[in-house]
PDB file of N, CA and C in Angstrom:
ATOM      1  N   MET A   1     155.103  39.187-182.659  1.00  0.00           N
ATOM      2  CA  MET A   1     155.750  39.544-183.865  1.00  0.00           C
ATOM      3  C   MET A   1     156.440  38.302-184.572  1.00  0.00           C
ATOM      4  N   HIS A   2     156.889  37.228-183.617  1.00  0.00           N
ATOM      5  CA  HIS A   2     157.510  36.191-184.366  1.00  0.00           C
ATOM      6  C   HIS A   2     156.111  35.194-184.995  1.00  0.00           C
ATOM      7  N   SER A   3     155.278  35.196-184.104  1.00  0.00           N
ATOM      8  CA  SER A   3     154.174  34.514-184.818  1.00  0.00           C
ATOM      9  C   SER A   3     153.618  34.785-186.109  1.00  0.00           C
ATOM     10  N   ASP A   4     153.777  36.265-186.165  1.00  0.00           N
ATOM     11  CA  ASP A   4     153.430  36.732-187.706  1.00  0.00           C
ATOM     12  C   ASP A   4     154.249  36.255-188.752  1.00  0.00           C
ATOM     13  N   ILE A   5     155.539  36.200-188.316  1.00  0.00           N
ATOM     14  CA  ILE A   5     156.623  35.772-189.480  1.00  0.00           C
ATOM     15  C   ILE A   5     156.370  34.289-189.745  1.00  0.00           C
ATOM     16  N   TYR A   6     155.893  33.349-188.631  1.00  0.00           N
ATOM     17  CA  TYR A   6     155.679  31.955-188.923  1.00  0.00           C
ATOM     18  C   TYR A   6     154.306  31.904-189.663  1.00  0.00           C
ATOM     19  N   GLU A   7     153.586  32.642-189.513  1.00  0.00           N
ATOM     20  CA  GLU A   7     152.075  32.648-190.275  1.00  0.00           C
ATOM     21  C   GLU A   7     152.318  33.151-191.694  1.00  0.00           C
ATOM     22  N   LEU A   8     153.200  34.284-192.167  1.00  0.00           N
ATOM     23  CA  LEU A   8     153.485  34.794-193.288  1.00  0.00           C
ATOM     24  C   LEU A   8     154.437  33.490-193.965  1.00  0.00           C
ATOM     25  N   GLU A   9     155.193  32.925-193.253  1.00  0.00           N
ATOM     26  CA  GLU A   9     156.154  31.799-194.052  1.00  0.00           C
ATOM     27  C   GLU A   9     155.206  30.722-194.357  1.00  0.00           C
ATOM     28  N   ALA A  10     154.239  30.356-193.672  1.00  0.00           N
ATOM     29  CA  ALA A  10     153.380  29.206-193.916  1.00  0.00           C
ATOM     30  C   ALA A  10     152.342  29.501-195.146  1.00  0.00           C
ATOM     31  N   TRP A  11     151.886  30.756-195.094  1.00  0.00           N
ATOM     32  CA  TRP A  11     151.006  31.233-196.111  1.00  0.00           C
ATOM     33  C   TRP A  11     151.795  31.456-197.485  1.00  0.00           C
ATOM     34  N   THR A  12     153.081  31.830-197.427  1.00  0.00           N
ATOM     35  CA  THR A  12     153.723  32.010-198.695  1.00  0.00           C
ATOM     36  C   THR A  12     154.118  30.624-199.263  1.00  0.00           C
ATOM     37  N   ARG A  13     154.406  29.666-198.301  1.00  0.00           N
ATOM     38  CA  ARG A  13     154.490  28.401-198.845  1.00  0.00           C
ATOM     39  C   ARG A  13     153.472  27.555-199.584  1.00  0.00           C
ATOM     40  N   ALA A  14     152.248  28.184-198.838  1.00  0.00           N
ATOM     41  CA  ALA A  14     150.835  27.433-199.336  1.00  0.00           C
ATOM     42  C   ALA A  14     150.680  28.288-200.822  1.00  0.00           C
ATOM     43  N   TRP A  15     150.946  29.516-200.806  1.00  0.00           N
ATOM     44  CA  TRP A  15     150.858  30.311-202.020  1.00  0.00           C
ATOM     45  C   TRP A  15     151.606  29.674-203.208  1.00  0.00           C
ATOM     46  N   TYR A  16     153.001  29.374-202.684  1.00  0.00           N
ATOM     47  CA  TYR A  16     153.779  28.771-203.791  1.00  0.00           C
ATOM     48  C   TYR A  16     153.160  27.314-204.337  1.00  0.00           C
ATOM     49  N   GLU A  17     152.970  26.677-203.422  1.00  0.00           N
ATOM     50  CA  GLU A  17     152.519  25.196-203.638  1.00  0.00           C
ATOM     51  C   GLU A  17     151.076  25.428-204.672  1.00  0.00           C
ATOM     52  N   GLU A  18     150.422  26.608-204.131  1.00  0.00           N
ATOM     53  CA  GLU A  18     148.861  26.451-205.002  1.00  0.00           C
ATOM     54  C   GLU A  18     149.425  27.208-206.674  1.00  0.00           C
ATOM     55  N   ALA A  19     150.358  28.097-206.676  1.00  0.00           N
ATOM     56  CA  ALA A  19     150.645  28.496-207.815  1.00  0.00           C
ATOM     57  C   ALA A  19     151.306  27.524-209.004  1.00  0.00           C
ATOM     58  N   ILE A  20     152.019  26.598-208.438  1.00  0.00           N
ATOM     59  CA  ILE A  20     152.387  25.427-208.887  1.00  0.00           C
ATOM     60  C   ILE A  20     151.465  24.531-209.469  1.00  0.00           C
ATOM     61  N   ARG A  21     150.445  24.402-208.525  1.00  0.00           N
ATOM     62  CA  ARG A  21     149.291  23.394-208.804  1.00  0.00           C
ATOM     63  C   ARG A  21     148.358  23.940-209.982  1.00  0.00           C
ATOM     64  N   MET A  22     148.419  25.229-209.860  1.00  0.00           N
ATOM     65  CA  MET A  22     147.589  26.099-210.879  1.00  0.00           C
ATOM     66  C   MET A  22     148.470  26.424-212.241  1.00  0.00           C
ATOM     67  N   ASN A  23     149.587  25.718-212.345  1.00  0.00           N
ATOM     68  CA  ASN A  23     150.445  25.940-213.472  1.00  0.00           C
ATOM     69  C   ASN A  23     150.676  27.459-213.864  1.00  0.00           C
ATOM     70  N   PHE A  24     150.910  28.284-212.860  1.00  0.00           N
ATOM     71  CA  PHE A  24     151.363  29.847-212.955  1.00  0.00           C
ATOM     72  C   PHE A  24     152.938  30.002-212.916  1.00  0.00           C
ATOM     73  N   ILE A  25     153.462  28.972-212.171  1.00  0.00           N
ATOM     74  CA  ILE A  25     155.047  28.874-211.887  1.00  0.00           C
ATOM     75  C   ILE A  25     155.306  27.515-211.965  1.00  0.00           C
ATOM     76  N   GLN A  26     156.751  27.395-212.373  1.00  0.00           N
ATOM     77  CA  GLN A  26     157.649  25.990-212.052  1.00  0.00           C
ATOM     78  C   GLN A  26     158.665  26.108-211.202  1.00  0.00           C
ATOM     79  N   PRO A  27     158.983  25.118-210.464  1.00  0.00           N
ATOM     80  CA  PRO A  27     160.060  25.111-209.609  1.00  0.00           C
ATOM     81  C   PRO A  27     161.335  24.915-210.215  1.00  0.00           C
ATOM     82  N   PRO A  28     162.578  25.730-209.986  1.00  0.00           N
ATOM     83  CA  PRO A  28     162.437  26.731-208.982  1.00  0.00           C
ATOM     84  C   PRO A  28     161.938  27.942-209.187  1.00  0.00           C
ATOM     85  N   PHE A  29     161.201  28.675-208.440  1.00  0.00           N
ATOM     86  CA  PHE A  29     160.779  29.849-208.760  1.00  0.00           C
ATOM     87  C   PHE A  29     161.088  30.584-207.441  1.00  0.00           C
ATOM     88  N   THR A  30     161.822  31.957-207.854  1.00  0.00           N
ATOM     89  CA  THR A  30     162.456  32.774-206.736  1.00  0.00           C
ATOM     90  C   THR A  30     161.662  34.223-207.076  1.00  0.00           C
ATOM     91  N   PRO A  31     160.782  34.524-206.341  1.00  0.00           N
ATOM     92  CA  PRO A  31     160.169  35.896-206.438  1.00  0.00           C
ATOM     93  C   PRO A  31     161.087  36.860-206.244  1.00  0.00           C
ATOM     94  N   ASP A  32     160.785  38.039-207.015  1.00  0.00           N
ATOM     95  CA  ASP A  32     161.940  39.402-206.755  1.00  0.00           C
ATOM     96  C   ASP A  32     161.403  40.104-205.741  1.00  0.00           C
ATOM     97  N   CYS A  33     161.911  41.117-205.337  1.00  0.00           N
ATOM     98  CA  CYS A  33     161.509  42.091-204.257  1.00  0.00           C
ATOM     99  C   CYS A  33     160.079  42.698-204.323  1.00  0.00           C
ATOM    100  N   ALA A  34     159.723  43.096-205.679  1.00  0.00           N
ATOM    101  CA  ALA A  34     158.385  43.675-205.762  1.00  0.00           C
ATOM    102  C   ALA A  34     157.461  42.456-205.527  1.00  0.00           C
ATOM    103  N   ARG A  35     157.584  41.278-206.054  1.00  0.00           N
ATOM    104  CA  ARG A  35     156.570  40.391-205.941  1.00  0.00           C
ATOM    105  C   ARG A  35     156.416  39.914-204.387  1.00  0.00           C
ATOM    106  N   MET A  36     157.459  39.841-203.758  1.00  0.00           N
ATOM    107  CA  MET A  36     157.484  39.734-202.262  1.00  0.00           C
ATOM    108  C   MET A  36     156.617  40.918-201.586  1.00  0.00           C
ATOM    109  N   ASP A  37     156.853  42.096-201.826  1.00  0.00           N
ATOM    110  CA  ASP A  37     155.925  43.068-201.278  1.00  0.00           C
ATOM    111  C   ASP A  37     154.533  43.019-201.618  1.00  0.00           C
ATOM    112  N   GLN A  38     154.298  42.530-202.928  1.00  0.00           N
ATOM    113  CA  GLN A  38     153.033  42.438-203.134  1.00  0.00           C
ATOM    114  C   GLN A  38     152.247  41.178-202.457  1.00  0.00           C
ATOM    115  N   LEU A  39     153.083  40.168-202.147  1.00  0.00           N
ATOM    116  CA  LEU A  39     152.402  38.991-201.456  1.00  0.00           C
ATOM    117  C   LEU A  39     152.198  39.251-199.841  1.00  0.00           C
ATOM    118  N   ARG A  40     153.295  40.095-199.316  1.00  0.00           N
ATOM    119  CA  ARG A  40     153.109  40.615-197.985  1.00  0.00           C
ATOM    120  C   ARG A  40     151.932  41.316-197.927  1.00  0.00           C
ATOM    121  N   TYR A  41     151.550  42.360-198.784  1.00  0.00           N
ATOM    122  CA  TYR A  41     150.381  43.126-198.874  1.00  0.00           C
ATOM    123  C   TYR A  41     149.102  42.185-198.953  1.00  0.00           C
ATOM    124  N   TYR A  42     148.995  41.147-199.758  1.00  0.00           N
ATOM    125  CA  TYR A  42     148.036  40.338-199.980  1.00  0.00           C
ATOM    126  C   TYR A  42     147.752  39.473-198.453  1.00  0.00           C
ATOM    127  N   PHE A  43     148.696  39.169-197.849  1.00  0.00           N
ATOM    128  CA  PHE A  43     148.611  38.481-196.698  1.00  0.00           C
ATOM    129  C   PHE A  43     148.274  39.362-195.480  1.00  0.00           C
ATOM    130  N   ARG A  44     148.583  40.611-195.438  1.00  0.00           N
ATOM    131  CA  ARG A  44     147.980  41.528-194.679  1.00  0.00           C
ATOM    132  C   ARG A  44     146.651  41.959-194.794  1.00  0.00           C
ATOM    133  N   ALA A  45     146.115  41.958-195.986  1.00  0.00           N
ATOM    134  CA  ALA A  45     144.900  42.298-196.197  1.00  0.00           C
ATOM    135  C   ALA A  45     143.882  41.205-196.228  1.00  0.00           C
ATOM    136  N   GLY A  46     144.474  39.928-195.862  1.00  0.00           N
ATOM    137  CA  GLY A  46     143.535  38.717-195.650  1.00  0.00           C
ATOM    138  C   GLY A  46     143.426  37.887-196.770  1.00  0.00           C
ATOM    139  N   PHE A  47     143.999  37.952-197.824  1.00  0.00           N
ATOM    140  CA  PHE A  47     143.633  37.180-198.975  1.00  0.00           C
ATOM    141  C   PHE A  47     144.098  35.772-198.581  1.00  0.00           C
ATOM    142  N   SER A  48     143.360  34.663-198.987  1.00  0.00           N
ATOM    143  CA  SER A  48     143.886  33.395-199.154  1.00  0.00           C
ATOM    144  C   SER A  48     144.951  33.121-199.965  1.00  0.00           C
ATOM    145  N   PRO A  49     145.628  31.982-199.786  1.00  0.00           N
ATOM    146  CA  PRO A  49     146.790  31.783-200.779  1.00  0.00           C
ATOM    147  C   PRO A  49     146.372  31.677-202.254  1.00  0.00           C
ATOM    148  N   VAL A  50     145.259  31.098-202.430  1.00  0.00           N
ATOM    149  CA  VAL A  50     144.481  30.855-203.636  1.00  0.00           C
ATOM    150  C   VAL A  50     144.052  32.244-204.153  1.00  0.00           C
ATOM    151  N   GLU A  51     143.507  33.167-203.442  1.00  0.00           N
ATOM    152  CA  GLU A  51     143.210  34.460-203.908  1.00  0.00           C
ATOM    153  C   GLU A  51     144.384  35.263-204.308  1.00  0.00           C
ATOM    154  N   ALA A  52     145.526  35.079-203.562  1.00  0.00           N
ATOM    155  CA  ALA A  52     146.618  35.805-203.886  1.00  0.00           C
ATOM    156  C   ALA A  52     147.260  35.292-205.125  1.00  0.00           C
ATOM    157  N   VAL A  53     147.254  33.915-205.624  1.00  0.00           N
ATOM    158  CA  VAL A  53     147.793  33.426-206.777  1.00  0.00           C
ATOM    159  C   VAL A  53     146.900  34.101-207.818  1.00  0.00           C
ATOM    160  N   GLN A  54     145.728  34.068-207.742  1.00  0.00           N
ATOM    161  CA  GLN A  54     144.887  34.685-208.606  1.00  0.00           C
ATOM    162  C   GLN A  54     145.255  36.043-208.962  1.00  0.00           C
ATOM    163  N   ALA A  55     145.463  36.841-207.703  1.00  0.00           N
ATOM    164  CA  ALA A  55     145.672  38.290-208.028  1.00  0.00           C
ATOM    165  C   ALA A  55     146.805  38.512-208.676  1.00  0.00           C
ATOM    166  N   CYS A  56     147.965  37.537-208.512  1.00  0.00           N
ATOM    167  CA  CYS A  56     149.213  37.638-209.050  1.00  0.00           C
ATOM    168  C   CYS A  56     149.413  37.552-210.355  1.00  0.00           C
ATOM    169  N   PHE A  57     148.661  36.367-210.777  1.00  0.00           N
ATOM    170  CA  PHE A  57     148.761  35.784-212.057  1.00  0.00           C
ATOM    171  C   PHE A  57     147.718  35.544-212.888  1.00  0.00           C
ATOM    172  N   GLY A  58     146.598  35.906-212.402  1.00  0.00           N
ATOM    173  CA  GLY A  58     145.412  35.764-213.312  1.00  0.00           C
ATOM    174  C   GLY A  58     145.123  36.857-214.188  1.00  0.00           C
ATOM    175  N   THR A  59     144.162  36.768-215.131  1.00  0.00           N
ATOM    176  CA  THR A  59     143.880  37.531-216.160  1.00  0.00           C
ATOM    177  C   THR A  59     143.335  39.020-215.577  1.00  0.00           C
ATOM    178  N   LYS A  60     143.919  39.919-216.047  1.00  0.00           N
ATOM    179  CA  LYS A  60     143.539  41.446-215.488  1.00  0.00           C
ATOM    180  C   LYS A  60     142.545  41.850-216.501  1.00  0.00           C
ATOM    181  N   HIS A  61     141.390  42.489-215.980  1.00  0.00           N
ATOM    182  CA  HIS A  61     140.063  42.918-216.817  1.00  0.00           C
ATOM    183  C   HIS A  61     140.416  44.499-216.727  1.00  0.00           C
TER     184      HIS A  61
END
C-alpha cells in the first residue's frame, strides 16, 4: 500500500510539471478535491502524466 502512495505522489508531481510545461497551469496551483479524484482515477487507469494533462485540460470534442 505504501508503495502505491509513493508511486501516486511521483506520478502527480510529473503531472504537475507537465501541466506547467504545457502552459495549462501556473505555479502555485492547488487542485481542488474533484481534480484530485480525477487524477487518482487517471493514475489507476494507467494514464501517463502527459495523457492525464491532456485529459484534464485539453480541448473536449
